[in-house]
Amino acid sequence: MNGEVKPKRKTTTSSAVKARYNKKTYCMIAAYLPKELAADFKAKCAERGIPQSQIIKQAVEKFLEEN
C-alpha cells in the first residue's frame, strides 16, 4: 500500500440478525407480579440505572447456588 489510512467502515447489525442471536442464546422467563410490586421494581431499577434483567439474573443465580 502507499501509506494511506482508510477510515473504518461503519457497520450496522439488522434487527433480524439480533433477534436470531437472542432467540438462539437466551430464554425469556415471565412472571405475574402485583402491579404495585412491579411498578416499585421498575422505578427502583430506573432510579439506580440498573437493567431489570440484571437484577432478575442475579436472583436466579443466587437461588441456584443456594439450592
PDB file of N, CA and C in Angstrom:
ATOM      1  N   MET A   1       0.838  -1.190   0.000  1.00  0.00           N
ATOM      2  CA  MET A   1       0.000   0.000   0.000  1.00  0.00           C
ATOM      3  C   MET A   1       0.877   1.245   0.000  1.00  0.00           C
ATOM      4  N   ASN A   2       0.282   2.346  -0.243  1.00  0.00           N
ATOM      5  CA  ASN A   2       1.039   3.588  -0.344  1.00  0.00           C
ATOM      6  C   ASN A   2       0.980   4.422   0.938  1.00  0.00           C
ATOM      7  N   GLY A   3       0.634   3.822   2.054  1.00  0.00           N
ATOM      8  CA  GLY A   3       0.623   4.518   3.321  1.00  0.00           C
ATOM      9  C   GLY A   3      -0.667   5.250   3.632  1.00  0.00           C
ATOM     10  N   GLU A   4      -1.656   5.135   2.772  1.00  0.00           N
ATOM     11  CA  GLU A   4      -2.935   5.791   3.037  1.00  0.00           C
ATOM     12  C   GLU A   4      -3.688   5.039   4.133  1.00  0.00           C
ATOM     13  N   VAL A   5      -4.307   5.774   5.002  1.00  0.00           N
ATOM     14  CA  VAL A   5      -5.124   5.180   6.059  1.00  0.00           C
ATOM     15  C   VAL A   5      -6.578   5.362   5.671  1.00  0.00           C
ATOM     16  N   LYS A   6      -7.259   4.254   5.490  1.00  0.00           N
ATOM     17  CA  LYS A   6      -8.668   4.319   5.132  1.00  0.00           C
ATOM     18  C   LYS A   6      -9.502   4.359   6.405  1.00  0.00           C
ATOM     19  N   PRO A   7     -10.540   5.181   6.422  1.00  0.00           N
ATOM     20  CA  PRO A   7     -11.405   5.211   7.604  1.00  0.00           C
ATOM     21  C   PRO A   7     -12.142   3.880   7.743  1.00  0.00           C
ATOM     22  N   LYS A   8     -12.396   3.515   9.001  1.00  0.00           N
ATOM     23  CA  LYS A   8     -13.122   2.276   9.255  1.00  0.00           C
ATOM     24  C   LYS A   8     -14.546   2.408   8.741  1.00  0.00           C
ATOM     25  N   ARG A   9     -15.016   1.309   8.198  1.00  0.00           N
ATOM     26  CA  ARG A   9     -16.386   1.277   7.703  1.00  0.00           C
ATOM     27  C   ARG A   9     -17.352   1.204   8.874  1.00  0.00           C
ATOM     28  N   LYS A  10     -18.391   1.975   8.823  1.00  0.00           N
ATOM     29  CA  LYS A  10     -19.421   1.901   9.846  1.00  0.00           C
ATOM     30  C   LYS A  10     -20.371   0.782   9.446  1.00  0.00           C
ATOM     31  N   THR A  11     -20.558  -0.170  10.362  1.00  0.00           N
ATOM     32  CA  THR A  11     -21.439  -1.290  10.064  1.00  0.00           C
ATOM     33  C   THR A  11     -22.627  -1.276  11.013  1.00  0.00           C
ATOM     34  N   THR A  12     -23.705  -1.825  10.555  1.00  0.00           N
ATOM     35  CA  THR A  12     -24.888  -1.946  11.401  1.00  0.00           C
ATOM     36  C   THR A  12     -25.366  -3.381  11.346  1.00  0.00           C
ATOM     37  N   THR A  13     -25.905  -3.831  12.458  1.00  0.00           N
ATOM     38  CA  THR A  13     -26.454  -5.175  12.529  1.00  0.00           C
ATOM     39  C   THR A  13     -27.969  -5.044  12.448  1.00  0.00           C
ATOM     40  N   SER A  14     -28.558  -5.808  11.571  1.00  0.00           N
ATOM     41  CA  SER A  14     -30.004  -5.699  11.397  1.00  0.00           C
ATOM     42  C   SER A  14     -30.742  -6.249  12.609  1.00  0.00           C
ATOM     43  N   SER A  15     -31.950  -5.778  12.784  1.00  0.00           N
ATOM     44  CA  SER A  15     -32.792  -6.271  13.872  1.00  0.00           C
ATOM     45  C   SER A  15     -33.046  -7.761  13.739  1.00  0.00           C
ATOM     46  N   ALA A  16     -33.168  -8.242  12.515  1.00  0.00           N
ATOM     47  CA  ALA A  16     -33.412  -9.674  12.294  1.00  0.00           C
ATOM     48  C   ALA A  16     -32.234 -10.507  12.773  1.00  0.00           C
ATOM     49  N   VAL A  17     -31.019 -10.034  12.528  1.00  0.00           N
ATOM     50  CA  VAL A  17     -29.823 -10.761  12.976  1.00  0.00           C
ATOM     51  C   VAL A  17     -29.768 -10.772  14.502  1.00  0.00           C
ATOM     52  N   LYS A  18     -30.043  -9.639  15.119  1.00  0.00           N
ATOM     53  CA  LYS A  18     -30.052  -9.566  16.587  1.00  0.00           C
ATOM     54  C   LYS A  18     -31.115 -10.486  17.163  1.00  0.00           C
ATOM     55  N   ALA A  19     -32.299 -10.498  16.555  1.00  0.00           N
ATOM     56  CA  ALA A  19     -33.386 -11.342  17.030  1.00  0.00           C
ATOM     57  C   ALA A  19     -33.025 -12.824  16.932  1.00  0.00           C
ATOM     58  N   ARG A  20     -32.392 -13.217  15.831  1.00  0.00           N
ATOM     59  CA  ARG A  20     -31.964 -14.618  15.670  1.00  0.00           C
ATOM     60  C   ARG A  20     -30.947 -14.996  16.741  1.00  0.00           C
ATOM     61  N   TYR A  21     -29.996 -14.113  16.994  1.00  0.00           N
ATOM     62  CA  TYR A  21     -28.984 -14.369  18.020  1.00  0.00           C
ATOM     63  C   TYR A  21     -29.640 -14.506  19.396  1.00  0.00           C
ATOM     64  N   ASN A  22     -30.523 -13.565  19.742  1.00  0.00           N
ATOM     65  CA  ASN A  22     -31.188 -13.602  21.044  1.00  0.00           C
ATOM     66  C   ASN A  22     -32.017 -14.865  21.206  1.00  0.00           C
ATOM     67  N   LYS A  23     -32.707 -15.274  20.150  1.00  0.00           N
ATOM     68  CA  LYS A  23     -33.538 -16.480  20.222  1.00  0.00           C
ATOM     69  C   LYS A  23     -32.678 -17.720  20.446  1.00  0.00           C
ATOM     70  N   LYS A  24     -31.504 -17.741  19.838  1.00  0.00           N
ATOM     71  CA  LYS A  24     -30.598 -18.881  19.952  1.00  0.00           C
ATOM     72  C   LYS A  24     -29.903 -18.907  21.319  1.00  0.00           C
ATOM     73  N   THR A  25     -29.634 -17.735  21.893  1.00  0.00           N
ATOM     74  CA  THR A  25     -28.783 -17.619  23.066  1.00  0.00           C
ATOM     75  C   THR A  25     -29.546 -17.474  24.380  1.00  0.00           C
ATOM     76  N   TYR A  26     -30.714 -16.881  24.332  1.00  0.00           N
ATOM     77  CA  TYR A  26     -31.432 -16.549  25.552  1.00  0.00           C
ATOM     78  C   TYR A  26     -32.803 -17.221  25.617  1.00  0.00           C
ATOM     79  N   CYS A  27     -33.359 -17.238  26.824  1.00  0.00           N
ATOM     80  CA  CYS A  27     -34.711 -17.748  27.059  1.00  0.00           C
ATOM     81  C   CYS A  27     -35.448 -16.700  27.890  1.00  0.00           C
ATOM     82  N   MET A  28     -36.680 -16.403  27.514  1.00  0.00           N
ATOM     83  CA  MET A  28     -37.453 -15.426  28.262  1.00  0.00           C
ATOM     84  C   MET A  28     -38.236 -16.132  29.374  1.00  0.00           C
ATOM     85  N   ILE A  29     -38.167 -15.546  30.554  1.00  0.00           N
ATOM     86  CA  ILE A  29     -38.944 -16.031  31.690  1.00  0.00           C
ATOM     87  C   ILE A  29     -39.894 -14.907  32.079  1.00  0.00           C
ATOM     88  N   ALA A  30     -41.164 -15.210  32.161  1.00  0.00           N
ATOM     89  CA  ALA A  30     -42.164 -14.193  32.509  1.00  0.00           C
ATOM     90  C   ALA A  30     -42.788 -14.539  33.855  1.00  0.00           C
ATOM     91  N   ALA A  31     -43.205 -13.513  34.568  1.00  0.00           N
ATOM     92  CA  ALA A  31     -43.858 -13.723  35.863  1.00  0.00           C
ATOM     93  C   ALA A  31     -44.954 -12.686  36.037  1.00  0.00           C
ATOM     94  N   TYR A  32     -46.030 -13.101  36.646  1.00  0.00           N
ATOM     95  CA  TYR A  32     -47.094 -12.174  37.012  1.00  0.00           C
ATOM     96  C   TYR A  32     -46.834 -11.711  38.439  1.00  0.00           C
ATOM     97  N   LEU A  33     -46.724 -10.407  38.605  1.00  0.00           N
ATOM     98  CA  LEU A  33     -46.485  -9.812  39.911  1.00  0.00           C
ATOM     99  C   LEU A  33     -47.572  -8.798  40.194  1.00  0.00           C
ATOM    100  N   PRO A  34     -47.839  -8.545  41.467  1.00  0.00           N
ATOM    101  CA  PRO A  34     -48.791  -7.472  41.769  1.00  0.00           C
ATOM    102  C   PRO A  34     -48.300  -6.164  41.134  1.00  0.00           C
ATOM    103  N   LYS A  35     -49.242  -5.388  40.594  1.00  0.00           N
ATOM    104  CA  LYS A  35     -48.880  -4.168  39.865  1.00  0.00           C
ATOM    105  C   LYS A  35     -48.016  -3.225  40.683  1.00  0.00           C
ATOM    106  N   GLU A  36     -48.332  -3.081  41.957  1.00  0.00           N
ATOM    107  CA  GLU A  36     -47.559  -2.169  42.802  1.00  0.00           C
ATOM    108  C   GLU A  36     -46.120  -2.660  42.957  1.00  0.00           C
ATOM    109  N   LEU A  37     -45.934  -3.957  43.152  1.00  0.00           N
ATOM    110  CA  LEU A  37     -44.591  -4.528  43.278  1.00  0.00           C
ATOM    111  C   LEU A  37     -43.803  -4.327  41.987  1.00  0.00           C
ATOM    112  N   ALA A  38     -44.433  -4.589  40.856  1.00  0.00           N
ATOM    113  CA  ALA A  38     -43.772  -4.418  39.557  1.00  0.00           C
ATOM    114  C   ALA A  38     -43.407  -2.953  39.326  1.00  0.00           C
ATOM    115  N   ALA A  39     -44.302  -2.049  39.655  1.00  0.00           N
ATOM    116  CA  ALA A  39     -44.043  -0.616  39.474  1.00  0.00           C
ATOM    117  C   ALA A  39     -42.890  -0.154  40.358  1.00  0.00           C
ATOM    118  N   ASP A  40     -42.865  -0.617  41.605  1.00  0.00           N
ATOM    119  CA  ASP A  40     -41.774  -0.269  42.519  1.00  0.00           C
ATOM    120  C   ASP A  40     -40.439  -0.809  42.005  1.00  0.00           C
ATOM    121  N   PHE A  41     -40.446  -2.042  41.506  1.00  0.00           N
ATOM    122  CA  PHE A  41     -39.237  -2.666  40.966  1.00  0.00           C
ATOM    123  C   PHE A  41     -38.716  -1.873  39.772  1.00  0.00           C
ATOM    124  N   LYS A  42     -39.605  -1.546  38.834  1.00  0.00           N
ATOM    125  CA  LYS A  42     -39.207  -0.784  37.652  1.00  0.00           C
ATOM    126  C   LYS A  42     -38.657   0.587  38.031  1.00  0.00           C
ATOM    127  N   ALA A  43     -39.316   1.238  38.974  1.00  0.00           N
ATOM    128  CA  ALA A  43     -38.885   2.574  39.402  1.00  0.00           C
ATOM    129  C   ALA A  43     -37.512   2.513  40.070  1.00  0.00           C
ATOM    130  N   LYS A  44     -37.291   1.525  40.929  1.00  0.00           N
ATOM    131  CA  LYS A  44     -36.013   1.406  41.631  1.00  0.00           C
ATOM    132  C   LYS A  44     -34.880   1.111  40.643  1.00  0.00           C
ATOM    133  N   CYS A  45     -35.149   0.245  39.673  1.00  0.00           N
ATOM    134  CA  CYS A  45     -34.139  -0.060  38.651  1.00  0.00           C
ATOM    135  C   CYS A  45     -33.800   1.196  37.842  1.00  0.00           C
ATOM    136  N   ALA A  46     -34.827   1.940  37.444  1.00  0.00           N
ATOM    137  CA  ALA A  46     -34.611   3.160  36.672  1.00  0.00           C
ATOM    138  C   ALA A  46     -33.836   4.194  37.495  1.00  0.00           C
ATOM    139  N   GLU A  47     -34.204   4.327  38.769  1.00  0.00           N
ATOM    140  CA  GLU A  47     -33.553   5.281  39.669  1.00  0.00           C
ATOM    141  C   GLU A  47     -32.059   4.989  39.788  1.00  0.00           C
ATOM    142  N   ARG A  48     -31.728   3.715  39.839  1.00  0.00           N
ATOM    143  CA  ARG A  48     -30.326   3.319  40.010  1.00  0.00           C
ATOM    144  C   ARG A  48     -29.604   3.065  38.686  1.00  0.00           C
ATOM    145  N   GLY A  49     -30.349   3.100  37.581  1.00  0.00           N
ATOM    146  CA  GLY A  49     -29.742   2.872  36.272  1.00  0.00           C
ATOM    147  C   GLY A  49     -29.306   1.430  36.069  1.00  0.00           C
ATOM    148  N   ILE A  50     -30.046   0.508  36.670  1.00  0.00           N
ATOM    149  CA  ILE A  50     -29.720  -0.915  36.584  1.00  0.00           C
ATOM    150  C   ILE A  50     -30.760  -1.596  35.705  1.00  0.00           C
ATOM    151  N   PRO A  51     -30.322  -2.378  34.718  1.00  0.00           N
ATOM    152  CA  PRO A  51     -31.288  -3.115  33.890  1.00  0.00           C
ATOM    153  C   PRO A  51     -32.089  -4.108  34.743  1.00  0.00           C
ATOM    154  N   GLN A  52     -33.383  -4.182  34.493  1.00  0.00           N
ATOM    155  CA  GLN A  52     -34.235  -5.113  35.242  1.00  0.00           C
ATOM    156  C   GLN A  52     -33.746  -6.547  35.080  1.00  0.00           C
ATOM    157  N   SER A  53     -33.310  -6.884  33.885  1.00  0.00           N
ATOM    158  CA  SER A  53     -32.856  -8.249  33.625  1.00  0.00           C
ATOM    159  C   SER A  53     -31.632  -8.602  34.465  1.00  0.00           C
ATOM    160  N   GLN A  54     -30.799  -7.628  34.759  1.00  0.00           N
ATOM    161  CA  GLN A  54     -29.609  -7.881  35.574  1.00  0.00           C
ATOM    162  C   GLN A  54     -30.004  -8.319  36.982  1.00  0.00           C
ATOM    163  N   ILE A  55     -30.992  -7.664  37.559  1.00  0.00           N
ATOM    164  CA  ILE A  55     -31.452  -7.999  38.910  1.00  0.00           C
ATOM    165  C   ILE A  55     -32.068  -9.393  38.921  1.00  0.00           C
ATOM    166  N   ILE A  56     -32.883  -9.683  37.923  1.00  0.00           N
ATOM    167  CA  ILE A  56     -33.534 -10.994  37.848  1.00  0.00           C
ATOM    168  C   ILE A  56     -32.484 -12.085  37.648  1.00  0.00           C
ATOM    169  N   LYS A  57     -31.516 -11.847  36.779  1.00  0.00           N
ATOM    170  CA  LYS A  57     -30.446 -12.830  36.544  1.00  0.00           C
ATOM    171  C   LYS A  57     -29.689 -13.108  37.840  1.00  0.00           C
ATOM    172  N   GLN A  58     -29.348 -12.066  38.590  1.00  0.00           N
ATOM    173  CA  GLN A  58     -28.631 -12.245  39.853  1.00  0.00           C
ATOM    174  C   GLN A  58     -29.468 -13.037  40.853  1.00  0.00           C
ATOM    175  N   ALA A  59     -30.769 -12.780  40.896  1.00  0.00           N
ATOM    176  CA  ALA A  59     -31.646 -13.505  41.822  1.00  0.00           C
ATOM    177  C   ALA A  59     -31.717 -14.984  41.456  1.00  0.00           C
ATOM    178  N   VAL A  60     -31.796 -15.285  40.169  1.00  0.00           N
ATOM    179  CA  VAL A  60     -31.846 -16.680  39.720  1.00  0.00           C
ATOM    180  C   VAL A  60     -30.526 -17.376  40.034  1.00  0.00           C
ATOM    181  N   GLU A  61     -29.404 -16.723  39.750  1.00  0.00           N
ATOM    182  CA  GLU A  61     -28.097 -17.299  40.047  1.00  0.00           C
ATOM    183  C   GLU A  61     -27.941 -17.580  41.538  1.00  0.00           C
ATOM    184  N   LYS A  62     -28.357 -16.639  42.386  1.00  0.00           N
ATOM    185  CA  LYS A  62     -28.276 -16.820  43.841  1.00  0.00           C
ATOM    186  C   LYS A  62     -29.145 -18.000  44.273  1.00  0.00           C
ATOM    187  N   PHE A  63     -30.351 -18.087  43.735  1.00  0.00           N
ATOM    188  CA  PHE A  63     -31.254 -19.192  44.075  1.00  0.00           C
ATOM    189  C   PHE A  63     -30.623 -20.530  43.703  1.00  0.00           C
ATOM    190  N   LEU A  64     -30.032 -20.611  42.525  1.00  0.00           N
ATOM    191  CA  LEU A  64     -29.419 -21.867  42.077  1.00  0.00           C
ATOM    192  C   LEU A  64     -28.208 -22.251  42.916  1.00  0.00           C
ATOM    193  N   GLU A  65     -27.436 -21.265  43.342  1.00  0.00           N
ATOM    194  CA  GLU A  65     -26.276 -21.544  44.197  1.00  0.00           C
ATOM    195  C   GLU A  65     -26.701 -22.084  45.554  1.00  0.00           C
ATOM    196  N   GLU A  66     -27.801 -21.564  46.077  1.00  0.00           N
ATOM    197  CA  GLU A  66     -28.248 -21.913  47.416  1.00  0.00           C
ATOM    198  C   GLU A  66     -29.088 -23.192  47.469  1.00  0.00           C
ATOM    199  N   ASN A  67     -29.550 -23.655  46.321  1.00  0.00           N
ATOM    200  CA  ASN A  67     -30.446 -24.819  46.331  1.00  0.00           C
ATOM    201  C   ASN A  67     -29.901 -25.943  45.506  1.00  0.00           C
TER     202      ASN A  67
END
